[in-house]
Amino acid sequence: MKNFSWGHGVVIALLAFIIFILSMLFLFPNGQKNSEMVTDNYYEEELKYQDVIDAKGRADQLEEKPTYRQNKQGITITFPKGYDNSNTKVKFVLNRTDDQNLDIHKSVQLDANKSFLIPGQVLKIGNYTLRLTWTKDKTDYRMDYDVIWK
């Protein structure tokens, strides 16, 4: 039998490393996680992001802000009682953090209570980001909420 030398140790270490790397490639292809971008038009939206920052800043400066409430019927977004909703366009986007196919995009009209309902039937259990945007007299506002639907 041959003597075991440091050269043999180096070869064994290299082979073990190669086997380890190959096992990682085959056991975990592409991370097994859904790694899609939040939007298909990422670069175009990046260029418009200053408008988003401005709209969020204007919404933060409001004394009374829209609020959301969850119950079995769904998610109710309510604007302040003194809010004049004439010349107002309201849109919301519910982004599902783990699956873009479950995203919901919609323009809505406020009811007599200055609110609207996102029905629970369209929601799946999990985490969402609610992006509420509204335009009042050609001025944009935006608020983001983290929502956990159970």
N, C-alpha and C. Protein backbone atom coordinates (compact mmCIF):
# COMPACT_ATOMS: atom_id res chain seq x y z
N MET A 1 0.83 -1.17 0.00
CA MET A 1 0.00 0.00 0.00
C MET A 1 0.88 1.24 0.00
N LYS A 2 0.42 2.27 -0.75
CA LYS A 2 1.18 3.51 -0.85
C LYS A 2 1.03 4.35 0.41
N ASN A 3 2.03 5.16 0.66
CA ASN A 3 1.95 6.08 1.79
C ASN A 3 1.07 7.27 1.44
N PHE A 4 0.36 7.76 2.42
CA PHE A 4 -0.51 8.92 2.26
C PHE A 4 0.33 10.16 2.46
N SER A 5 0.38 11.06 1.42
CA SER A 5 1.20 12.28 1.53
C SER A 5 0.30 13.50 1.45
N TRP A 6 0.91 14.67 1.59
CA TRP A 6 0.13 15.91 1.54
C TRP A 6 -0.47 16.12 0.16
N GLY A 7 0.15 15.62 -0.87
CA GLY A 7 -0.39 15.72 -2.23
C GLY A 7 -1.72 14.99 -2.34
N HIS A 8 -1.78 13.80 -1.71
CA HIS A 8 -3.05 13.06 -1.69
C HIS A 8 -4.12 13.85 -0.95
N GLY A 9 -3.75 14.51 0.14
CA GLY A 9 -4.70 15.31 0.92
C GLY A 9 -5.26 16.47 0.12
N VAL A 10 -4.39 17.13 -0.67
CA VAL A 10 -4.83 18.24 -1.51
C VAL A 10 -5.83 17.75 -2.56
N VAL A 11 -5.54 16.62 -3.19
CA VAL A 11 -6.43 16.06 -4.21
C VAL A 11 -7.78 15.69 -3.58
N ILE A 12 -7.76 15.08 -2.42
CA ILE A 12 -9.00 14.69 -1.74
C ILE A 12 -9.81 15.94 -1.36
N ALA A 13 -9.13 17.00 -0.88
CA ALA A 13 -9.82 18.23 -0.51
C ALA A 13 -10.46 18.88 -1.74
N LEU A 14 -9.73 18.91 -2.86
CA LEU A 14 -10.28 19.47 -4.09
C LEU A 14 -11.49 18.68 -4.58
N LEU A 15 -11.40 17.37 -4.55
CA LEU A 15 -12.54 16.54 -4.97
C LEU A 15 -13.75 16.74 -4.06
N ALA A 16 -13.50 16.86 -2.76
CA ALA A 16 -14.61 17.09 -1.82
C ALA A 16 -15.27 18.44 -2.11
N PHE A 17 -14.45 19.47 -2.41
CA PHE A 17 -14.98 20.78 -2.73
C PHE A 17 -15.80 20.75 -4.02
N ILE A 18 -15.32 20.07 -5.03
CA ILE A 18 -16.04 19.97 -6.31
C ILE A 18 -17.37 19.24 -6.11
N ILE A 19 -17.36 18.18 -5.34
CA ILE A 19 -18.59 17.43 -5.05
C ILE A 19 -19.58 18.32 -4.30
N PHE A 20 -19.08 19.10 -3.35
CA PHE A 20 -19.94 20.02 -2.59
C PHE A 20 -20.59 21.04 -3.51
N ILE A 21 -19.80 21.67 -4.38
CA ILE A 21 -20.34 22.68 -5.30
C ILE A 21 -21.35 22.06 -6.25
N LEU A 22 -21.06 20.91 -6.80
CA LEU A 22 -22.01 20.26 -7.71
C LEU A 22 -23.30 19.86 -6.99
N SER A 23 -23.18 19.41 -5.75
CA SER A 23 -24.39 19.06 -5.02
C SER A 23 -25.25 20.29 -4.76
N MET A 24 -24.62 21.46 -4.52
CA MET A 24 -25.39 22.69 -4.35
C MET A 24 -26.11 23.07 -5.65
N LEU A 25 -25.46 22.86 -6.77
CA LEU A 25 -26.08 23.19 -8.05
C LEU A 25 -27.30 22.32 -8.33
N PHE A 26 -27.21 21.05 -7.99
CA PHE A 26 -28.31 20.13 -8.31
C PHE A 26 -29.37 20.07 -7.23
N LEU A 27 -28.99 20.27 -5.97
CA LEU A 27 -29.99 20.23 -4.90
C LEU A 27 -30.80 21.52 -4.81
N PHE A 28 -30.19 22.65 -5.14
CA PHE A 28 -30.86 23.94 -5.03
C PHE A 28 -30.82 24.71 -6.34
N PRO A 29 -31.44 24.20 -7.39
CA PRO A 29 -31.41 24.95 -8.66
C PRO A 29 -32.23 26.23 -8.55
N ASN A 30 -31.63 27.33 -8.93
CA ASN A 30 -32.28 28.64 -8.93
C ASN A 30 -32.87 29.03 -7.58
N GLY A 31 -32.38 28.49 -6.52
CA GLY A 31 -32.82 28.89 -5.19
C GLY A 31 -34.18 28.36 -4.80
N GLN A 32 -34.91 27.70 -5.67
CA GLN A 32 -36.24 27.15 -5.40
C GLN A 32 -37.23 28.21 -4.91
N LYS A 33 -36.88 29.47 -4.97
CA LYS A 33 -37.77 30.53 -4.52
C LYS A 33 -38.23 31.33 -5.73
N ASN A 34 -39.41 31.87 -5.62
CA ASN A 34 -39.93 32.72 -6.68
C ASN A 34 -39.19 34.05 -6.59
N SER A 35 -38.35 34.33 -7.56
CA SER A 35 -37.52 35.53 -7.50
C SER A 35 -37.85 36.50 -8.62
N GLU A 36 -39.14 36.69 -8.88
CA GLU A 36 -39.53 37.60 -9.94
C GLU A 36 -39.46 39.05 -9.45
N MET A 37 -39.26 39.95 -10.39
CA MET A 37 -39.23 41.37 -10.04
C MET A 37 -40.65 41.81 -9.69
N VAL A 38 -40.76 42.87 -8.92
CA VAL A 38 -42.07 43.36 -8.52
C VAL A 38 -42.87 43.82 -9.73
N THR A 39 -42.19 44.34 -10.74
CA THR A 39 -42.88 44.84 -11.92
C THR A 39 -42.11 44.45 -13.17
N ASP A 40 -42.81 44.32 -14.29
CA ASP A 40 -42.16 44.01 -15.56
C ASP A 40 -41.47 45.24 -16.14
N ASN A 41 -41.96 46.42 -15.81
CA ASN A 41 -41.41 47.67 -16.35
C ASN A 41 -40.53 48.36 -15.31
N TYR A 42 -39.61 47.61 -14.75
CA TYR A 42 -38.81 48.10 -13.63
C TYR A 42 -38.07 49.38 -13.97
N TYR A 43 -37.39 49.43 -15.10
CA TYR A 43 -36.54 50.58 -15.41
C TYR A 43 -37.36 51.82 -15.72
N GLU A 44 -38.50 51.66 -16.39
CA GLU A 44 -39.36 52.80 -16.66
C GLU A 44 -39.92 53.37 -15.36
N GLU A 45 -40.30 52.48 -14.45
CA GLU A 45 -40.85 52.95 -13.18
C GLU A 45 -39.77 53.58 -12.31
N GLU A 46 -38.54 53.12 -12.43
CA GLU A 46 -37.44 53.72 -11.68
C GLU A 46 -37.26 55.18 -12.07
N LEU A 47 -37.42 55.49 -13.34
CA LEU A 47 -37.28 56.87 -13.80
C LEU A 47 -38.39 57.77 -13.24
N LYS A 48 -39.56 57.21 -12.97
CA LYS A 48 -40.69 57.98 -12.46
C LYS A 48 -40.74 57.98 -10.93
N TYR A 49 -39.72 57.42 -10.28
CA TYR A 49 -39.81 57.24 -8.83
C TYR A 49 -39.77 58.56 -8.06
N GLN A 50 -39.18 59.60 -8.63
CA GLN A 50 -39.19 60.90 -7.94
C GLN A 50 -40.62 61.40 -7.76
N ASP A 51 -41.49 61.12 -8.73
CA ASP A 51 -42.91 61.48 -8.60
C ASP A 51 -43.54 60.74 -7.42
N VAL A 52 -43.16 59.48 -7.24
CA VAL A 52 -43.67 58.68 -6.12
C VAL A 52 -43.20 59.27 -4.80
N ILE A 53 -41.93 59.64 -4.73
CA ILE A 53 -41.39 60.23 -3.50
C ILE A 53 -42.13 61.53 -3.17
N ASP A 54 -42.38 62.34 -4.18
CA ASP A 54 -43.11 63.60 -3.97
C ASP A 54 -44.54 63.33 -3.49
N ALA A 55 -45.21 62.35 -4.12
CA ALA A 55 -46.59 62.03 -3.74
C ALA A 55 -46.65 61.50 -2.30
N LYS A 56 -45.69 60.69 -1.91
CA LYS A 56 -45.64 60.19 -0.52
C LYS A 56 -45.40 61.34 0.45
N GLY A 57 -44.53 62.27 0.06
CA GLY A 57 -44.25 63.42 0.92
C GLY A 57 -45.48 64.27 1.14
N ARG A 58 -46.26 64.50 0.07
CA ARG A 58 -47.50 65.28 0.21
C ARG A 58 -48.49 64.54 1.10
N ALA A 59 -48.60 63.23 0.96
CA ALA A 59 -49.53 62.47 1.80
C ALA A 59 -49.10 62.50 3.27
N ASP A 60 -47.78 62.45 3.51
CA ASP A 60 -47.29 62.51 4.89
C ASP A 60 -47.61 63.84 5.55
N GLN A 61 -47.71 64.91 4.76
CA GLN A 61 -47.97 66.24 5.31
C GLN A 61 -49.44 66.48 5.62
N LEU A 62 -50.31 65.58 5.17
CA LEU A 62 -51.75 65.74 5.45
C LEU A 62 -52.01 65.59 6.95
N GLU A 63 -52.90 66.42 7.47
CA GLU A 63 -53.24 66.30 8.89
C GLU A 63 -54.01 65.01 9.15
N GLU A 64 -54.99 64.73 8.29
CA GLU A 64 -55.76 63.49 8.42
C GLU A 64 -55.50 62.65 7.19
N LYS A 65 -55.15 61.40 7.41
CA LYS A 65 -54.79 60.51 6.32
C LYS A 65 -55.83 59.40 6.17
N PRO A 66 -55.92 58.82 4.96
CA PRO A 66 -56.80 57.66 4.80
C PRO A 66 -56.32 56.51 5.69
N THR A 67 -57.27 55.74 6.17
CA THR A 67 -56.94 54.59 7.02
C THR A 67 -57.54 53.33 6.41
N TYR A 68 -57.03 52.19 6.84
CA TYR A 68 -57.61 50.93 6.38
C TYR A 68 -57.98 50.09 7.60
N ARG A 69 -58.99 49.25 7.41
CA ARG A 69 -59.48 48.37 8.46
C ARG A 69 -59.81 47.03 7.83
N GLN A 70 -59.41 45.97 8.49
CA GLN A 70 -59.68 44.62 7.99
C GLN A 70 -60.79 43.97 8.81
N ASN A 71 -61.67 43.25 8.11
CA ASN A 71 -62.65 42.40 8.78
C ASN A 71 -62.96 41.23 7.85
N LYS A 72 -63.95 40.44 8.17
CA LYS A 72 -64.25 39.25 7.37
C LYS A 72 -64.70 39.59 5.95
N GLN A 73 -65.32 40.76 5.78
CA GLN A 73 -65.80 41.16 4.45
C GLN A 73 -64.66 41.57 3.53
N GLY A 74 -63.59 42.08 4.10
CA GLY A 74 -62.45 42.51 3.29
C GLY A 74 -61.68 43.63 3.95
N ILE A 75 -61.09 44.47 3.11
CA ILE A 75 -60.30 45.60 3.59
C ILE A 75 -61.05 46.88 3.20
N THR A 76 -61.37 47.71 4.18
CA THR A 76 -62.07 48.96 3.94
C THR A 76 -61.08 50.12 4.06
N ILE A 77 -60.99 50.92 3.02
CA ILE A 77 -60.17 52.12 3.02
C ILE A 77 -61.11 53.30 3.23
N THR A 78 -60.82 54.12 4.24
CA THR A 78 -61.69 55.25 4.57
C THR A 78 -60.89 56.54 4.55
N PHE A 79 -61.39 57.50 3.80
CA PHE A 79 -60.79 58.84 3.79
C PHE A 79 -61.38 59.64 4.94
N PRO A 80 -60.70 60.68 5.39
CA PRO A 80 -61.20 61.48 6.52
C PRO A 80 -62.58 62.06 6.22
N LYS A 81 -63.38 62.25 7.27
CA LYS A 81 -64.76 62.74 7.13
C LYS A 81 -64.82 64.09 6.42
N GLY A 82 -63.89 64.97 6.68
CA GLY A 82 -63.91 66.29 6.08
C GLY A 82 -63.31 66.35 4.69
N TYR A 83 -62.95 65.20 4.14
CA TYR A 83 -62.29 65.18 2.83
C TYR A 83 -63.30 65.47 1.72
N ASP A 84 -62.99 66.42 0.87
CA ASP A 84 -63.83 66.75 -0.28
C ASP A 84 -63.36 65.88 -1.45
N ASN A 85 -64.17 64.91 -1.82
CA ASN A 85 -63.72 63.97 -2.85
C ASN A 85 -64.15 64.36 -4.26
N SER A 86 -64.54 65.61 -4.47
CA SER A 86 -64.79 66.06 -5.85
C SER A 86 -63.44 66.22 -6.54
N ASN A 87 -63.40 65.97 -7.82
CA ASN A 87 -62.16 66.00 -8.61
C ASN A 87 -61.10 65.05 -8.06
N THR A 88 -61.52 63.92 -7.53
CA THR A 88 -60.58 62.96 -6.96
C THR A 88 -60.65 61.65 -7.73
N LYS A 89 -59.49 61.14 -8.10
CA LYS A 89 -59.39 59.81 -8.71
C LYS A 89 -58.60 58.94 -7.75
N VAL A 90 -59.15 57.79 -7.40
CA VAL A 90 -58.51 56.91 -6.42
C VAL A 90 -58.18 55.59 -7.10
N LYS A 91 -56.96 55.13 -6.88
CA LYS A 91 -56.52 53.82 -7.37
C LYS A 91 -55.81 53.10 -6.24
N PHE A 92 -55.87 51.78 -6.29
CA PHE A 92 -55.08 51.02 -5.34
C PHE A 92 -54.44 49.84 -6.05
N VAL A 93 -53.33 49.41 -5.52
CA VAL A 93 -52.65 48.21 -5.98
C VAL A 93 -52.34 47.39 -4.74
N LEU A 94 -52.76 46.15 -4.76
CA LEU A 94 -52.38 45.21 -3.72
C LEU A 94 -51.32 44.30 -4.31
N ASN A 95 -50.07 44.49 -3.91
CA ASN A 95 -48.97 43.66 -4.41
C ASN A 95 -48.78 42.49 -3.46
N ARG A 96 -48.86 41.30 -4.00
CA ARG A 96 -48.56 40.10 -3.22
C ARG A 96 -47.05 39.95 -3.20
N THR A 97 -46.47 39.86 -2.03
CA THR A 97 -45.02 39.87 -1.92
C THR A 97 -44.36 38.63 -2.51
N ASP A 98 -45.08 37.52 -2.60
CA ASP A 98 -44.44 36.29 -3.08
C ASP A 98 -44.96 35.79 -4.42
N ASP A 99 -46.02 36.41 -4.97
CA ASP A 99 -46.56 35.93 -6.24
C ASP A 99 -47.25 37.06 -6.98
N GLN A 100 -46.65 37.51 -8.05
CA GLN A 100 -47.19 38.62 -8.83
C GLN A 100 -48.55 38.28 -9.44
N ASN A 101 -48.86 37.00 -9.63
CA ASN A 101 -50.15 36.61 -10.22
C ASN A 101 -51.32 36.92 -9.29
N LEU A 102 -51.06 37.16 -8.00
CA LEU A 102 -52.13 37.46 -7.05
C LEU A 102 -52.29 38.97 -6.82
N ASP A 103 -51.57 39.80 -7.59
CA ASP A 103 -51.68 41.25 -7.46
C ASP A 103 -53.06 41.71 -7.92
N ILE A 104 -53.54 42.79 -7.32
CA ILE A 104 -54.84 43.37 -7.67
C ILE A 104 -54.62 44.85 -7.96
N HIS A 105 -55.05 45.31 -9.14
CA HIS A 105 -54.94 46.71 -9.55
C HIS A 105 -56.35 47.20 -9.87
N LYS A 106 -56.74 48.34 -9.31
CA LYS A 106 -58.09 48.80 -9.58
C LYS A 106 -58.24 50.30 -9.31
N SER A 107 -59.06 50.96 -10.14
CA SER A 107 -59.50 52.32 -9.88
C SER A 107 -60.88 52.22 -9.24
N VAL A 108 -61.13 53.05 -8.25
CA VAL A 108 -62.39 52.95 -7.50
C VAL A 108 -63.02 54.32 -7.32
N GLN A 109 -64.29 54.31 -6.96
CA GLN A 109 -65.04 55.51 -6.59
C GLN A 109 -65.32 55.43 -5.10
N LEU A 110 -65.21 56.54 -4.43
CA LEU A 110 -65.53 56.57 -3.00
C LEU A 110 -67.05 56.59 -2.83
N ASP A 111 -67.55 55.88 -1.81
CA ASP A 111 -68.99 55.87 -1.55
C ASP A 111 -69.38 57.08 -0.69
N ALA A 112 -70.60 57.09 -0.21
CA ALA A 112 -71.10 58.22 0.58
C ALA A 112 -70.32 58.41 1.88
N ASN A 113 -69.74 57.34 2.39
CA ASN A 113 -68.95 57.42 3.62
C ASN A 113 -67.48 57.74 3.34
N LYS A 114 -67.18 58.12 2.09
CA LYS A 114 -65.80 58.41 1.66
C LYS A 114 -64.89 57.21 1.88
N SER A 115 -65.40 56.03 1.51
CA SER A 115 -64.62 54.81 1.68
C SER A 115 -64.90 53.86 0.52
N PHE A 116 -64.14 52.79 0.46
CA PHE A 116 -64.39 51.71 -0.50
C PHE A 116 -63.90 50.41 0.11
N LEU A 117 -64.41 49.31 -0.43
CA LEU A 117 -64.12 47.98 0.12
C LEU A 117 -63.39 47.14 -0.92
N ILE A 118 -62.33 46.49 -0.48
CA ILE A 118 -61.67 45.46 -1.28
C ILE A 118 -62.21 44.14 -0.74
N PRO A 119 -63.03 43.42 -1.52
CA PRO A 119 -63.70 42.23 -0.99
C PRO A 119 -62.71 41.13 -0.60
N GLY A 120 -63.04 40.46 0.49
CA GLY A 120 -62.18 39.38 0.98
C GLY A 120 -62.11 38.19 0.03
N GLN A 121 -63.10 38.03 -0.85
CA GLN A 121 -63.11 36.89 -1.77
C GLN A 121 -61.96 36.94 -2.76
N VAL A 122 -61.46 38.13 -3.07
CA VAL A 122 -60.37 38.24 -4.05
C VAL A 122 -58.99 38.11 -3.41
N LEU A 123 -58.94 38.03 -2.09
CA LEU A 123 -57.67 37.96 -1.37
C LEU A 123 -57.34 36.53 -0.97
N LYS A 124 -56.07 36.20 -1.02
CA LYS A 124 -55.58 34.91 -0.55
C LYS A 124 -54.78 35.17 0.73
N ILE A 125 -54.74 34.19 1.61
CA ILE A 125 -54.00 34.34 2.86
C ILE A 125 -52.54 34.63 2.56
N GLY A 126 -52.01 35.68 3.21
CA GLY A 126 -50.60 36.02 3.02
C GLY A 126 -50.35 37.51 3.17
N ASN A 127 -49.15 37.93 2.79
CA ASN A 127 -48.70 39.31 2.95
C ASN A 127 -48.90 40.10 1.67
N TYR A 128 -49.40 41.30 1.82
CA TYR A 128 -49.59 42.22 0.70
C TYR A 128 -48.99 43.58 1.05
N THR A 129 -48.68 44.34 0.02
CA THR A 129 -48.38 45.76 0.18
C THR A 129 -49.50 46.50 -0.53
N LEU A 130 -50.22 47.31 0.23
CA LEU A 130 -51.32 48.11 -0.31
C LEU A 130 -50.76 49.48 -0.67
N ARG A 131 -50.79 49.79 -1.96
CA ARG A 131 -50.35 51.10 -2.44
C ARG A 131 -51.60 51.88 -2.83
N LEU A 132 -51.92 52.87 -2.04
CA LEU A 132 -53.09 53.70 -2.27
C LEU A 132 -52.63 55.01 -2.90
N THR A 133 -53.12 55.30 -4.10
CA THR A 133 -52.76 56.56 -4.77
C THR A 133 -54.06 57.30 -5.11
N TRP A 134 -54.02 58.59 -4.95
CA TRP A 134 -55.16 59.39 -5.35
C TRP A 134 -54.68 60.73 -5.89
N THR A 135 -55.47 61.24 -6.80
CA THR A 135 -55.17 62.53 -7.43
C THR A 135 -56.31 63.47 -7.10
N LYS A 136 -55.98 64.58 -6.47
CA LYS A 136 -56.97 65.59 -6.09
C LYS A 136 -56.55 66.90 -6.74
N ASP A 137 -57.38 67.41 -7.64
CA ASP A 137 -57.09 68.65 -8.36
C ASP A 137 -55.69 68.62 -9.00
N LYS A 138 -55.40 67.55 -9.70
CA LYS A 138 -54.14 67.34 -10.43
C LYS A 138 -52.91 67.24 -9.53
N THR A 139 -53.11 66.98 -8.25
CA THR A 139 -52.00 66.77 -7.31
C THR A 139 -52.05 65.31 -6.85
N ASP A 140 -50.93 64.62 -6.97
CA ASP A 140 -50.87 63.20 -6.62
C ASP A 140 -50.47 63.00 -5.17
N TYR A 141 -51.08 61.96 -4.56
CA TYR A 141 -50.77 61.54 -3.20
C TYR A 141 -50.61 60.03 -3.22
N ARG A 142 -49.79 59.53 -2.30
CA ARG A 142 -49.63 58.07 -2.22
C ARG A 142 -49.29 57.67 -0.80
N MET A 143 -49.92 56.58 -0.38
CA MET A 143 -49.60 55.97 0.92
C MET A 143 -49.45 54.48 0.71
N ASP A 144 -48.49 53.88 1.41
CA ASP A 144 -48.26 52.44 1.35
C ASP A 144 -48.53 51.84 2.73
N TYR A 145 -49.19 50.70 2.72
CA TYR A 145 -49.50 49.98 3.96
C TYR A 145 -49.07 48.52 3.79
N ASP A 146 -48.54 47.94 4.83
CA ASP A 146 -48.26 46.50 4.85
C ASP A 146 -49.49 45.80 5.41
N VAL A 147 -50.03 44.85 4.66
CA VAL A 147 -51.27 44.17 5.02
C VAL A 147 -51.01 42.68 5.13
N ILE A 148 -51.46 42.08 6.21
CA ILE A 148 -51.39 40.61 6.36
C ILE A 148 -52.83 40.11 6.36
N TRP A 149 -53.21 39.40 5.30
CA TRP A 149 -54.57 38.88 5.19
C TRP A 149 -54.58 37.48 5.76
N LYS A 150 -55.48 37.25 6.73
CA LYS A 150 -55.56 35.94 7.39
C LYS A 150 -56.85 35.24 7.06
